Amino acid sequence: MISKNSIKLLDTWIEQVEHDVTSENDVWLLFIKITRKGQYVLFNTNSLGDKEKQCRCHTHGVKYKKYWFCEMNYFFQCFKNELDLKWRECDGRETKKN
């Protein structure tokens, strides 16, 4: 799926998502379902995860420009807790300290 050349449709989707971002703290995810292949997530590596998590996730995906494209279930294994905290903070709910 991912090539060294730009993918016009994918670039258009990314532009649309980035246009809708209202804060530099926002984390956006682009979900992509490819028939008979699987479900994937594309995300900006600058807005999510520490280097260790990104390295583990990056062994199960591919880079596209400054983004990372990986299988959806594996993505949530890596980033579920971090996303939950970010979403709670955005909603103004208190976060629990572990």
Protein backbone atom coordinates (compact mmCIF):
# COMPACT_ATOMS: atom_id res chain seq x y z
CA MET A 1 0.00 0.00 0.00
CA ILE A 2 2.66 2.54 0.98
CA SER A 3 5.06 3.64 -1.71
CA LYS A 4 7.95 6.07 -1.94
CA ASN A 5 5.76 8.36 -4.03
CA SER A 6 2.99 10.53 -2.62
CA ILE A 7 -0.47 9.00 -2.55
CA LYS A 8 -2.85 11.77 -3.59
CA LEU A 9 -6.00 10.37 -1.94
CA LEU A 10 -4.18 9.67 1.34
CA ASP A 11 -2.63 13.16 1.27
CA THR A 12 -6.12 14.64 0.80
CA TRP A 13 -7.46 12.74 3.81
CA ILE A 14 -4.49 13.87 5.93
CA GLU A 15 -5.01 17.49 4.88
CA GLN A 16 -8.69 17.28 5.85
CA VAL A 17 -7.90 15.84 9.27
CA GLU A 18 -5.12 18.33 9.96
CA HIS A 19 -7.37 21.19 8.88
CA ASP A 20 -9.93 20.18 11.53
CA VAL A 21 -7.37 20.12 14.35
CA THR A 22 -8.12 23.06 16.65
CA SER A 23 -5.23 22.80 19.10
CA GLU A 24 -1.62 21.72 18.93
CA ASN A 25 -2.47 19.31 21.78
CA ASP A 26 -5.04 17.52 19.63
CA VAL A 27 -4.30 13.96 18.61
CA TRP A 28 -5.90 12.89 15.37
CA LEU A 29 -6.22 9.37 14.03
CA LEU A 30 -7.10 8.40 10.49
CA PHE A 31 -8.78 4.99 10.37
CA ILE A 32 -8.60 3.10 7.09
CA LYS A 33 -10.35 -0.16 6.26
CA ILE A 34 -9.03 -2.05 3.27
CA THR A 35 -11.44 -4.72 2.10
CA ARG A 36 -10.12 -8.24 2.74
CA LYS A 37 -6.84 -6.81 4.06
CA GLY A 38 -7.59 -5.30 7.47
CA GLN A 39 -8.13 -2.16 9.49
CA TYR A 40 -5.34 0.36 9.93
CA VAL A 41 -4.55 3.64 11.68
CA LEU A 42 -2.45 6.50 10.38
CA PHE A 43 -1.18 9.01 12.95
CA ASN A 44 1.34 11.78 13.39
CA THR A 45 4.33 10.47 15.35
CA ASN A 46 4.99 13.94 16.80
CA SER A 47 1.75 13.94 18.76
CA LEU A 48 1.60 10.48 20.28
CA GLY A 49 3.80 8.17 22.29
CA ASP A 50 7.24 8.20 23.74
CA LYS A 51 10.18 6.86 21.75
CA GLU A 52 9.98 3.37 23.28
CA LYS A 53 6.30 2.92 22.38
CA GLN A 54 6.86 4.31 18.92
CA CYS A 55 9.74 1.90 18.31
CA ARG A 56 7.58 -1.07 19.33
CA CYS A 57 4.69 0.12 17.17
CA HIS A 58 7.00 0.93 14.27
CA THR A 59 8.12 -2.67 14.01
CA HIS A 60 4.53 -3.43 12.98
CA GLY A 61 3.88 -0.71 10.44
CA VAL A 62 5.32 1.57 7.81
CA LYS A 63 6.29 5.21 7.61
CA TYR A 64 4.50 7.57 5.24
CA LYS A 65 6.07 11.04 5.24
CA LYS A 66 5.97 12.19 8.91
CA TYR A 67 3.18 9.73 9.77
CA TRP A 68 2.99 6.11 10.81
CA PHE A 69 0.61 3.54 9.34
CA CYS A 70 -0.04 0.37 11.35
CA GLU A 71 -2.63 -2.31 12.03
CA MET A 72 -5.44 -0.98 14.21
CA ASN A 73 -5.46 -3.65 16.93
CA TYR A 74 -1.71 -3.41 17.40
CA PHE A 75 -1.95 0.40 17.53
CA PHE A 76 -4.43 0.23 20.41
CA GLN A 77 -2.26 -2.28 22.26
CA CYS A 78 0.53 0.31 22.17
CA PHE A 79 -1.40 3.54 22.78
CA LYS A 80 -4.72 2.71 24.49
CA ASN A 81 -3.79 4.07 27.93
CA GLU A 82 -2.14 7.21 26.58
CA LEU A 83 -5.14 7.99 24.37
CA ASP A 84 -7.52 7.44 27.28
CA LEU A 85 -5.60 9.97 29.39
CA LYS A 86 -5.49 12.53 26.59
CA TRP A 87 -9.21 12.18 25.90
CA ARG A 88 -10.08 12.50 29.60
CA GLU A 89 -8.00 15.68 29.83
CA CYS A 90 -9.74 17.10 26.75
CA ASP A 91 -13.15 16.36 28.24
CA GLY A 92 -12.17 18.09 31.48
CA ARG A 93 -12.53 14.91 33.51
CA GLU A 94 -10.04 14.21 36.25
CA THR A 95 -7.30 11.76 35.46
CA LYS A 96 -6.36 9.08 37.95
CA LYS A 97 -2.75 8.97 39.06
CA ASN A 98 -1.31 5.44 39.07
